[in-house]
Amino acid sequence: MAVVDVTVVPVGTQSAGLSEYVAGCVKVLQEAKGISYQLTPMSTIIEGELGLVLELVREMHEQPFLKGAVRVVTTVRIDDRRDKKLTMSGKVAAVEARLHV
């Protein structure tokens, strides 16, 4: 199980607003099985088997091109822990637990 942070940015669009492009990327995740995701104001965090998540990132990267973008920059950060189960909520809980020590 991996936790992956992804940001897809179309470059040179007709408008400064990008929500239309982000919505296309989120639709890819809504249709996917076997993952969890969290949309944040600056990126999207995906939890799932690494191979599946990377395939979804590729599909997300393609979405702005389908809406007319001619250049897309996608940034990916991967947290792939193999010694114990890794989840988005577990990562947050570990930090919160240290705040209450």
PDB file of N, CA and C in Angstrom:
ATOM      1  N   MET A   1       0.852  -1.184   0.000  1.00  0.00           N
ATOM      2  CA  MET A   1       0.000   0.000   0.000  1.00  0.00           C
ATOM      3  C   MET A   1       0.890   1.236   0.000  1.00  0.00           C
ATOM      4  N   ALA A   2       0.594   2.170  -0.872  1.00  0.00           N
ATOM      5  CA  ALA A   2       1.352   3.407  -0.976  1.00  0.00           C
ATOM      6  C   ALA A   2       0.422   4.599  -0.779  1.00  0.00           C
ATOM      7  N   VAL A   3       1.001   5.690  -0.335  1.00  0.00           N
ATOM      8  CA  VAL A   3       0.315   6.966  -0.274  1.00  0.00           C
ATOM      9  C   VAL A   3       1.050   7.882  -1.247  1.00  0.00           C
ATOM     10  N   VAL A   4       0.310   8.395  -2.225  1.00  0.00           N
ATOM     11  CA  VAL A   4       0.911   9.159  -3.317  1.00  0.00           C
ATOM     12  C   VAL A   4       0.252  10.532  -3.396  1.00  0.00           C
ATOM     13  N   ASP A   5       1.090  11.558  -3.450  1.00  0.00           N
ATOM     14  CA  ASP A   5       0.636  12.931  -3.604  1.00  0.00           C
ATOM     15  C   ASP A   5       0.878  13.330  -5.051  1.00  0.00           C
ATOM     16  N   VAL A   6      -0.160  13.800  -5.743  1.00  0.00           N
ATOM     17  CA  VAL A   6      -0.025  14.138  -7.165  1.00  0.00           C
ATOM     18  C   VAL A   6      -0.622  15.518  -7.441  1.00  0.00           C
ATOM     19  N   THR A   7       0.092  16.275  -8.255  1.00  0.00           N
ATOM     20  CA  THR A   7      -0.378  17.579  -8.710  1.00  0.00           C
ATOM     21  C   THR A   7      -0.248  17.610 -10.230  1.00  0.00           C
ATOM     22  N   VAL A   8      -1.338  17.877 -10.915  1.00  0.00           N
ATOM     23  CA  VAL A   8      -1.367  17.952 -12.379  1.00  0.00           C
ATOM     24  C   VAL A   8      -1.638  19.411 -12.749  1.00  0.00           C
ATOM     25  N   VAL A   9      -0.708  20.015 -13.490  1.00  0.00           N
ATOM     26  CA  VAL A   9      -0.835  21.430 -13.835  1.00  0.00           C
ATOM     27  C   VAL A   9      -0.760  21.610 -15.351  1.00  0.00           C
ATOM     28  N   PRO A  10      -1.879  22.004 -15.986  1.00  0.00           N
ATOM     29  CA  PRO A  10      -1.820  22.348 -17.398  1.00  0.00           C
ATOM     30  C   PRO A  10      -1.139  23.706 -17.534  1.00  0.00           C
ATOM     31  N   VAL A  11      -0.288  23.844 -18.536  1.00  0.00           N
ATOM     32  CA  VAL A  11       0.464  25.078 -18.745  1.00  0.00           C
ATOM     33  C   VAL A  11      -0.051  25.764 -20.010  1.00  0.00           C
ATOM     34  N   GLY A  12      -0.177  27.090 -19.950  1.00  0.00           N
ATOM     35  CA  GLY A  12      -0.571  27.849 -21.131  1.00  0.00           C
ATOM     36  C   GLY A  12      -2.034  27.730 -21.488  1.00  0.00           C
ATOM     37  N   THR A  13      -2.899  27.660 -20.493  1.00  0.00           N
ATOM     38  CA  THR A  13      -4.340  27.567 -20.763  1.00  0.00           C
ATOM     39  C   THR A  13      -4.909  28.965 -21.026  1.00  0.00           C
ATOM     40  N   GLN A  14      -6.129  29.017 -21.508  1.00  0.00           N
ATOM     41  CA  GLN A  14      -6.784  30.291 -21.828  1.00  0.00           C
ATOM     42  C   GLN A  14      -7.221  31.058 -20.578  1.00  0.00           C
ATOM     43  N   SER A  15      -7.270  30.391 -19.428  1.00  0.00           N
ATOM     44  CA  SER A  15      -7.758  31.012 -18.195  1.00  0.00           C
ATOM     45  C   SER A  15      -6.821  30.673 -17.038  1.00  0.00           C
ATOM     46  N   ALA A  16      -6.798  31.544 -16.046  1.00  0.00           N
ATOM     47  CA  ALA A  16      -6.002  31.268 -14.842  1.00  0.00           C
ATOM     48  C   ALA A  16      -6.663  30.190 -13.984  1.00  0.00           C
ATOM     49  N   GLY A  17      -7.964  29.992 -14.128  1.00  0.00           N
ATOM     50  CA  GLY A  17      -8.679  28.974 -13.368  1.00  0.00           C
ATOM     51  C   GLY A  17      -8.383  27.580 -13.894  1.00  0.00           C
ATOM     52  N   LEU A  18      -8.175  26.653 -12.981  1.00  0.00           N
ATOM     53  CA  LEU A  18      -7.821  25.283 -13.363  1.00  0.00           C
ATOM     54  C   LEU A  18      -8.824  24.246 -12.878  1.00  0.00           C
ATOM     55  N   SER A  19      -9.913  24.663 -12.243  1.00  0.00           N
ATOM     56  CA  SER A  19     -10.841  23.705 -11.642  1.00  0.00           C
ATOM     57  C   SER A  19     -11.438  22.747 -12.671  1.00  0.00           C
ATOM     58  N   GLU A  20     -11.633  23.185 -13.901  1.00  0.00           N
ATOM     59  CA  GLU A  20     -12.164  22.307 -14.941  1.00  0.00           C
ATOM     60  C   GLU A  20     -11.204  21.132 -15.190  1.00  0.00           C
ATOM     61  N   TYR A  21      -9.916  21.422 -15.192  1.00  0.00           N
ATOM     62  CA  TYR A  21      -8.912  20.384 -15.411  1.00  0.00           C
ATOM     63  C   TYR A  21      -8.815  19.455 -14.199  1.00  0.00           C
ATOM     64  N   VAL A  22      -8.878  20.049 -13.008  1.00  0.00           N
ATOM     65  CA  VAL A  22      -8.830  19.250 -11.775  1.00  0.00           C
ATOM     66  C   VAL A  22     -10.029  18.306 -11.727  1.00  0.00           C
ATOM     67  N   ALA A  23     -11.195  18.793 -12.105  1.00  0.00           N
ATOM     68  CA  ALA A  23     -12.400  17.956 -12.095  1.00  0.00           C
ATOM     69  C   ALA A  23     -12.223  16.737 -12.994  1.00  0.00           C
ATOM     70  N   GLY A  24     -11.584  16.916 -14.143  1.00  0.00           N
ATOM     71  CA  GLY A  24     -11.329  15.782 -15.033  1.00  0.00           C
ATOM     72  C   GLY A  24     -10.440  14.741 -14.375  1.00  0.00           C
ATOM     73  N   CYS A  25      -9.448  15.216 -13.628  1.00  0.00           N
ATOM     74  CA  CYS A  25      -8.548  14.294 -12.919  1.00  0.00           C
ATOM     75  C   CYS A  25      -9.285  13.554 -11.808  1.00  0.00           C
ATOM     76  N   VAL A  26     -10.136  14.258 -11.086  1.00  0.00           N
ATOM     77  CA  VAL A  26     -10.878  13.632  -9.989  1.00  0.00           C
ATOM     78  C   VAL A  26     -11.863  12.599 -10.530  1.00  0.00           C
ATOM     79  N   LYS A  27     -12.431  12.822 -11.696  1.00  0.00           N
ATOM     80  CA  LYS A  27     -13.345  11.832 -12.288  1.00  0.00           C
ATOM     81  C   LYS A  27     -12.628  10.504 -12.527  1.00  0.00           C
ATOM     82  N   VAL A  28     -11.358  10.575 -12.907  1.00  0.00           N
ATOM     83  CA  VAL A  28     -10.568   9.348 -13.071  1.00  0.00           C
ATOM     84  C   VAL A  28     -10.557   8.572 -11.756  1.00  0.00           C
ATOM     85  N   LEU A  29     -10.362   9.273 -10.650  1.00  0.00           N
ATOM     86  CA  LEU A  29     -10.302   8.617  -9.338  1.00  0.00           C
ATOM     87  C   LEU A  29     -11.672   8.129  -8.894  1.00  0.00           C
ATOM     88  N   GLN A  30     -12.716   8.872  -9.196  1.00  0.00           N
ATOM     89  CA  GLN A  30     -14.072   8.455  -8.826  1.00  0.00           C
ATOM     90  C   GLN A  30     -14.448   7.136  -9.483  1.00  0.00           C
ATOM     91  N   GLU A  31     -13.954   6.905 -10.672  1.00  0.00           N
ATOM     92  CA  GLU A  31     -14.280   5.684 -11.410  1.00  0.00           C
ATOM     93  C   GLU A  31     -13.375   4.513 -11.040  1.00  0.00           C
ATOM     94  N   ALA A  32     -12.293   4.774 -10.322  1.00  0.00           N
ATOM     95  CA  ALA A  32     -11.315   3.729  -9.981  1.00  0.00           C
ATOM     96  C   ALA A  32     -11.792   2.887  -8.804  1.00  0.00           C
ATOM     97  N   LYS A  33     -11.393   1.648  -8.817  1.00  0.00           N
ATOM     98  CA  LYS A  33     -11.692   0.716  -7.725  1.00  0.00           C
ATOM     99  C   LYS A  33     -10.373   0.380  -7.026  1.00  0.00           C
ATOM    100  N   GLY A  34     -10.429   0.148  -5.720  1.00  0.00           N
ATOM    101  CA  GLY A  34      -9.252  -0.295  -4.983  1.00  0.00           C
ATOM    102  C   GLY A  34      -8.354   0.820  -4.482  1.00  0.00           C
ATOM    103  N   ILE A  35      -8.850   2.054  -4.512  1.00  0.00           N
ATOM    104  CA  ILE A  35      -8.063   3.170  -4.002  1.00  0.00           C
ATOM    105  C   ILE A  35      -8.942   4.050  -3.128  1.00  0.00           C
ATOM    106  N   SER A  36      -8.281   4.865  -2.318  1.00  0.00           N
ATOM    107  CA  SER A  36      -8.939   5.955  -1.610  1.00  0.00           C
ATOM    108  C   SER A  36      -8.219   7.217  -2.032  1.00  0.00           C
ATOM    109  N   TYR A  37      -8.909   8.343  -1.998  1.00  0.00           N
ATOM    110  CA  TYR A  37      -8.236   9.581  -2.343  1.00  0.00           C
ATOM    111  C   TYR A  37      -8.800  10.735  -1.540  1.00  0.00           C
ATOM    112  N   GLN A  38      -7.997  11.774  -1.438  1.00  0.00           N
ATOM    113  CA  GLN A  38      -8.415  12.985  -0.749  1.00  0.00           C
ATOM    114  C   GLN A  38      -7.989  14.172  -1.607  1.00  0.00           C
ATOM    115  N   LEU A  39      -8.947  14.966  -2.040  1.00  0.00           N
ATOM    116  CA  LEU A  39      -8.670  16.182  -2.775  1.00  0.00           C
ATOM    117  C   LEU A  39      -8.325  17.270  -1.770  1.00  0.00           C
ATOM    118  N   THR A  40      -7.209  17.954  -1.973  1.00  0.00           N
ATOM    119  CA  THR A  40      -6.821  19.069  -1.111  1.00  0.00           C
ATOM    120  C   THR A  40      -6.765  20.331  -1.972  1.00  0.00           C
ATOM    121  N   PRO A  41      -6.616  21.502  -1.366  1.00  0.00           N
ATOM    122  CA  PRO A  41      -6.567  22.723  -2.168  1.00  0.00           C
ATOM    123  C   PRO A  41      -5.382  22.796  -3.136  1.00  0.00           C
ATOM    124  N   MET A  42      -4.316  22.031  -2.886  1.00  0.00           N
ATOM    125  CA  MET A  42      -3.112  22.140  -3.708  1.00  0.00           C
ATOM    126  C   MET A  42      -2.713  20.865  -4.438  1.00  0.00           C
ATOM    127  N   SER A  43      -3.309  19.735  -4.074  1.00  0.00           N
ATOM    128  CA  SER A  43      -2.940  18.465  -4.699  1.00  0.00           C
ATOM    129  C   SER A  43      -4.003  17.429  -4.367  1.00  0.00           C
ATOM    130  N   THR A  44      -3.779  16.215  -4.831  1.00  0.00           N
ATOM    131  CA  THR A  44      -4.653  15.097  -4.501  1.00  0.00           C
ATOM    132  C   THR A  44      -3.794  13.985  -3.930  1.00  0.00           C
ATOM    133  N   ILE A  45      -4.251  13.375  -2.853  1.00  0.00           N
ATOM    134  CA  ILE A  45      -3.526  12.288  -2.216  1.00  0.00           C
ATOM    135  C   ILE A  45      -4.292  11.000  -2.489  1.00  0.00           C
ATOM    136  N   ILE A  46      -3.561   9.998  -2.969  1.00  0.00           N
ATOM    137  CA  ILE A  46      -4.172   8.725  -3.349  1.00  0.00           C
ATOM    138  C   ILE A  46      -3.530   7.615  -2.538  1.00  0.00           C
ATOM    139  N   GLU A  47      -4.350   6.694  -2.053  1.00  0.00           N
ATOM    140  CA  GLU A  47      -3.876   5.550  -1.271  1.00  0.00           C
ATOM    141  C   GLU A  47      -4.288   4.277  -2.003  1.00  0.00           C
ATOM    142  N   GLY A  48      -3.325   3.404  -2.239  1.00  0.00           N
ATOM    143  CA  GLY A  48      -3.642   2.146  -2.897  1.00  0.00           C
ATOM    144  C   GLY A  48      -2.395   1.400  -3.303  1.00  0.00           C
ATOM    145  N   GLU A  49      -2.579   0.291  -3.994  1.00  0.00           N
ATOM    146  CA  GLU A  49      -1.448  -0.498  -4.485  1.00  0.00           C
ATOM    147  C   GLU A  49      -0.677   0.358  -5.490  1.00  0.00           C
ATOM    148  N   LEU A  50       0.645   0.400  -5.348  1.00  0.00           N
ATOM    149  CA  LEU A  50       1.471   1.336  -6.102  1.00  0.00           C
ATOM    150  C   LEU A  50       1.276   1.225  -7.612  1.00  0.00           C
ATOM    151  N   GLY A  51       1.256   0.035  -8.155  1.00  0.00           N
ATOM    152  CA  GLY A  51       1.077  -0.113  -9.604  1.00  0.00           C
ATOM    153  C   GLY A  51      -0.219   0.496 -10.095  1.00  0.00           C
ATOM    154  N   LEU A  52      -1.302   0.259  -9.373  1.00  0.00           N
ATOM    155  CA  LEU A  52      -2.604   0.820  -9.734  1.00  0.00           C
ATOM    156  C   LEU A  52      -2.572   2.337  -9.632  1.00  0.00           C
ATOM    157  N   VAL A  53      -2.009   2.855  -8.556  1.00  0.00           N
ATOM    158  CA  VAL A  53      -1.966   4.303  -8.370  1.00  0.00           C
ATOM    159  C   VAL A  53      -1.160   4.966  -9.485  1.00  0.00           C
ATOM    160  N   LEU A  54      -0.032   4.375  -9.858  1.00  0.00           N
ATOM    161  CA  LEU A  54       0.775   4.961 -10.932  1.00  0.00           C
ATOM    162  C   LEU A  54       0.028   4.959 -12.260  1.00  0.00           C
ATOM    163  N   GLU A  55      -0.757   3.938 -12.519  1.00  0.00           N
ATOM    164  CA  GLU A  55      -1.571   3.912 -13.738  1.00  0.00           C
ATOM    165  C   GLU A  55      -2.619   5.027 -13.688  1.00  0.00           C
ATOM    166  N   LEU A  56      -3.222   5.241 -12.527  1.00  0.00           N
ATOM    167  CA  LEU A  56      -4.210   6.312 -12.381  1.00  0.00           C
ATOM    168  C   LEU A  56      -3.555   7.686 -12.549  1.00  0.00           C
ATOM    169  N   VAL A  57      -2.346   7.845 -12.046  1.00  0.00           N
ATOM    170  CA  VAL A  57      -1.618   9.105 -12.224  1.00  0.00           C
ATOM    171  C   VAL A  57      -1.394   9.363 -13.711  1.00  0.00           C
ATOM    172  N   ARG A  58      -1.056   8.330 -14.475  1.00  0.00           N
ATOM    173  CA  ARG A  58      -0.883   8.489 -15.916  1.00  0.00           C
ATOM    174  C   ARG A  58      -2.188   8.943 -16.559  1.00  0.00           C
ATOM    175  N   GLU A  59      -3.298   8.347 -16.145  1.00  0.00           N
ATOM    176  CA  GLU A  59      -4.598   8.744 -16.688  1.00  0.00           C
ATOM    177  C   GLU A  59      -4.944  10.182 -16.295  1.00  0.00           C
ATOM    178  N   MET A  60      -4.626  10.558 -15.068  1.00  0.00           N
ATOM    179  CA  MET A  60      -4.868  11.932 -14.628  1.00  0.00           C
ATOM    180  C   MET A  60      -4.032  12.913 -15.450  1.00  0.00           C
ATOM    181  N   HIS A  61      -2.796  12.546 -15.713  1.00  0.00           N
ATOM    182  CA  HIS A  61      -1.896  13.392 -16.498  1.00  0.00           C
ATOM    183  C   HIS A  61      -2.464  13.655 -17.901  1.00  0.00           C
ATOM    184  N   GLU A  62      -3.180  12.696 -18.453  1.00  0.00           N
ATOM    185  CA  GLU A  62      -3.750  12.827 -19.798  1.00  0.00           C
ATOM    186  C   GLU A  62      -4.985  13.732 -19.845  1.00  0.00           C
ATOM    187  N   GLN A  63      -5.668  13.896 -18.738  1.00  0.00           N
ATOM    188  CA  GLN A  63      -6.938  14.627 -18.737  1.00  0.00           C
ATOM    189  C   GLN A  63      -6.837  16.049 -19.289  1.00  0.00           C
ATOM    190  N   PRO A  64      -5.861  16.867 -18.885  1.00  0.00           N
ATOM    191  CA  PRO A  64      -5.793  18.222 -19.451  1.00  0.00           C
ATOM    192  C   PRO A  64      -5.574  18.223 -20.968  1.00  0.00           C
ATOM    193  N   PHE A  65      -4.832  17.249 -21.489  1.00  0.00           N
ATOM    194  CA  PHE A  65      -4.648  17.162 -22.937  1.00  0.00           C
ATOM    195  C   PHE A  65      -5.989  16.936 -23.637  1.00  0.00           C
ATOM    196  N   LEU A  66      -6.847  16.134 -23.013  1.00  0.00           N
ATOM    197  CA  LEU A  66      -8.166  15.866 -23.592  1.00  0.00           C
ATOM    198  C   LEU A  66      -9.037  17.113 -23.616  1.00  0.00           C
ATOM    199  N   LYS A  67      -8.707  18.093 -22.779  1.00  0.00           N
ATOM    200  CA  LYS A  67      -9.461  19.354 -22.730  1.00  0.00           C
ATOM    201  C   LYS A  67      -8.737  20.470 -23.477  1.00  0.00           C
ATOM    202  N   GLY A  68      -7.714  20.115 -24.264  1.00  0.00           N
ATOM    203  CA  GLY A  68      -7.077  21.099 -25.122  1.00  0.00           C
ATOM    204  C   GLY A  68      -5.733  21.643 -24.665  1.00  0.00           C
ATOM    205  N   ALA A  69      -5.261  21.272 -23.485  1.00  0.00           N
ATOM    206  CA  ALA A  69      -3.948  21.736 -23.049  1.00  0.00           C
ATOM    207  C   ALA A  69      -2.884  21.146 -23.969  1.00  0.00           C
ATOM    208  N   VAL A  70      -1.829  21.910 -24.209  1.00  0.00           N
ATOM    209  CA  VAL A  70      -0.752  21.405 -25.067  1.00  0.00           C
ATOM    210  C   VAL A  70       0.495  21.058 -24.256  1.00  0.00           C
ATOM    211  N   ARG A  71       0.477  21.413 -22.969  1.00  0.00           N
ATOM    212  CA  ARG A  71       1.599  21.067 -22.088  1.00  0.00           C
ATOM    213  C   ARG A  71       1.048  20.828 -20.692  1.00  0.00           C
ATOM    214  N   VAL A  72       1.541  19.774 -20.047  1.00  0.00           N
ATOM    215  CA  VAL A  72       1.094  19.429 -18.695  1.00  0.00           C
ATOM    216  C   VAL A  72       2.307  19.056 -17.858  1.00  0.00           C
ATOM    217  N   VAL A  73       2.377  19.621 -16.660  1.00  0.00           N
ATOM    218  CA  VAL A  73       3.439  19.282 -15.717  1.00  0.00           C
ATOM    219  C   VAL A  73       2.792  18.546 -14.546  1.00  0.00           C
ATOM    220  N   THR A  74       3.238  17.315 -14.296  1.00  0.00           N
ATOM    221  CA  THR A  74       2.695  16.505 -13.215  1.00  0.00           C
ATOM    222  C   THR A  74       3.803  16.190 -12.221  1.00  0.00           C
ATOM    223  N   THR A  75       3.527  16.466 -10.958  1.00  0.00           N
ATOM    224  CA  THR A  75       4.475  16.194  -9.878  1.00  0.00           C
ATOM    225  C   THR A  75       3.908  15.075  -9.018  1.00  0.00           C
ATOM    226  N   VAL A  76       4.761  14.082  -8.698  1.00  0.00           N
ATOM    227  CA  VAL A  76       4.332  12.922  -7.916  1.00  0.00           C
ATOM    228  C   VAL A  76       5.309  12.709  -6.760  1.00  0.00           C
ATOM    229  N   ARG A  77       4.758  12.512  -5.561  1.00  0.00           N
ATOM    230  CA  ARG A  77       5.550  12.090  -4.396  1.00  0.00           C
ATOM    231  C   ARG A  77       4.961  10.784  -3.904  1.00  0.00           C
ATOM    232  N   ILE A  78       5.824   9.798  -3.665  1.00  0.00           N
ATOM    233  CA  ILE A  78       5.377   8.460  -3.282  1.00  0.00           C
ATOM    234  C   ILE A  78       5.929   8.108  -1.908  1.00  0.00           C
ATOM    235  N   ASP A  79       5.049   7.688  -1.007  1.00  0.00           N
ATOM    236  CA  ASP A  79       5.451   7.109   0.281  1.00  0.00           C
ATOM    237  C   ASP A  79       5.031   5.650   0.224  1.00  0.00           C
ATOM    238  N   ASP A  80       6.007   4.773   0.086  1.00  0.00           N
ATOM    239  CA  ASP A  80       5.756   3.334  -0.084  1.00  0.00           C
ATOM    240  C   ASP A  80       6.452   2.605   1.043  1.00  0.00           C
ATOM    241  N   ARG A  81       5.730   2.302   2.095  1.00  0.00           N
ATOM    242  CA  ARG A  81       6.297   1.645   3.273  1.00  0.00           C
ATOM    243  C   ARG A  81       5.956   0.168   3.239  1.00  0.00           C
ATOM    244  N   ARG A  82       6.960  -0.673   3.485  1.00  0.00           N
ATOM    245  CA  ARG A  82       6.745  -2.116   3.338  1.00  0.00           C
ATOM    246  C   ARG A  82       6.829  -2.881   4.651  1.00  0.00           C
ATOM    247  N   ASP A  83       7.182  -2.210   5.741  1.00  0.00           N
ATOM    248  CA  ASP A  83       7.306  -2.924   7.010  1.00  0.00           C
ATOM    249  C   ASP A  83       6.006  -2.963   7.805  1.00  0.00           C
ATOM    250  N   LYS A  84       5.053  -2.080   7.470  1.00  0.00           N
ATOM    251  CA  LYS A  84       3.736  -2.111   8.099  1.00  0.00           C
ATOM    252  C   LYS A  84       2.752  -1.375   7.211  1.00  0.00           C
ATOM    253  N   LYS A  85       1.467  -1.545   7.493  1.00  0.00           N
ATOM    254  CA  LYS A  85       0.427  -0.941   6.668  1.00  0.00           C
ATOM    255  C   LYS A  85       0.529   0.582   6.718  1.00  0.00           C
ATOM    256  N   LEU A  86       0.429   1.190   5.557  1.00  0.00           N
ATOM    257  CA  LEU A  86       0.537   2.638   5.424  1.00  0.00           C
ATOM    258  C   LEU A  86      -0.781   3.179   4.886  1.00  0.00           C
ATOM    259  N   THR A  87      -1.372   4.126   5.611  1.00  0.00           N
ATOM    260  CA  THR A  87      -2.608   4.754   5.160  1.00  0.00           C
ATOM    261  C   THR A  87      -2.528   6.257   5.390  1.00  0.00           C
ATOM    262  N   MET A  88      -3.374   6.985   4.680  1.00  0.00           N
ATOM    263  CA  MET A  88      -3.443   8.434   4.888  1.00  0.00           C
ATOM    264  C   MET A  88      -3.819   8.745   6.324  1.00  0.00           C
ATOM    265  N   SER A  89      -4.857   8.098   6.811  1.00  0.00           N
ATOM    266  CA  SER A  89      -5.326   8.377   8.168  1.00  0.00           C
ATOM    267  C   SER A  89      -4.301   7.956   9.214  1.00  0.00           C
ATOM    268  N   GLY A  90      -3.577   6.868   8.954  1.00  0.00           N
ATOM    269  CA  GLY A  90      -2.548   6.425   9.885  1.00  0.00           C
ATOM    270  C   GLY A  90      -1.409   7.415   9.997  1.00  0.00           C
ATOM    271  N   LYS A  91      -1.029   8.022   8.881  1.00  0.00           N
ATOM    272  CA  LYS A  91       0.038   9.018   8.897  1.00  0.00           C
ATOM    273  C   LYS A  91      -0.379  10.238   9.720  1.00  0.00           C
ATOM    274  N   VAL A  92      -1.622  10.683   9.553  1.00  0.00           N
ATOM    275  CA  VAL A  92      -2.119  11.830  10.310  1.00  0.00           C
ATOM    276  C   VAL A  92      -2.236  11.475  11.789  1.00  0.00           C
ATOM    277  N   ALA A  93      -2.743  10.295  12.092  1.00  0.00           N
ATOM    278  CA  ALA A  93      -2.909   9.868  13.484  1.00  0.00           C
ATOM    279  C   ALA A  93      -1.570   9.786  14.204  1.00  0.00           C
ATOM    280  N   ALA A  94      -0.518   9.359  13.517  1.00  0.00           N
ATOM    281  CA  ALA A  94       0.802   9.265  14.140  1.00  0.00           C
ATOM    282  C   ALA A  94       1.299  10.642  14.578  1.00  0.00           C
ATOM    283  N   VAL A  95       1.064  11.646  13.775  1.00  0.00           N
ATOM    284  CA  VAL A  95       1.465  13.011  14.139  1.00  0.00           C
ATOM    285  C   VAL A  95       0.594  13.535  15.266  1.00  0.00           C
ATOM    286  N   GLU A  96      -0.715  13.326  15.158  1.00  0.00           N
ATOM    287  CA  GLU A  96      -1.621  13.798  16.202  1.00  0.00           C
ATOM    288  C   GLU A  96      -1.318  13.158  17.544  1.00  0.00           C
ATOM    289  N   ALA A  97      -0.930  11.898  17.542  1.00  0.00           N
ATOM    290  CA  ALA A  97      -0.581  11.215  18.791  1.00  0.00           C
ATOM    291  C   ALA A  97       0.621  11.890  19.465  1.00  0.00           C
ATOM    292  N   ARG A  98       1.556  12.352  18.678  1.00  0.00           N
ATOM    293  CA  ARG A  98       2.743  13.032  19.236  1.00  0.00           C
ATOM    294  C   ARG A  98       2.392  14.418  19.774  1.00  0.00           C
ATOM    295  N   LEU A  99       1.346  15.016  19.274  1.00  0.00           N
ATOM    296  CA  LEU A  99       0.920  16.327  19.768  1.00  0.00           C
ATOM    297  C   LEU A  99       0.300  16.227  21.163  1.00  0.00           C
ATOM    298  N   HIS A 100      -0.204  15.050  21.497  1.00  0.00           N
ATOM    299  CA  HIS A 100      -0.885  14.860  22.787  1.00  0.00           C
ATOM    300  C   HIS A 100      -0.003  14.166  23.814  1.00  0.00           C
ATOM    301  N   VAL A 101       1.294  14.105  23.584  1.00  0.00           N
ATOM    302  CA  VAL A 101       2.204  13.432  24.518  1.00  0.00           C
ATOM    303  C   VAL A 101       2.490  14.341  25.679  1.00  0.00           C
TER     304      VAL A 101
END
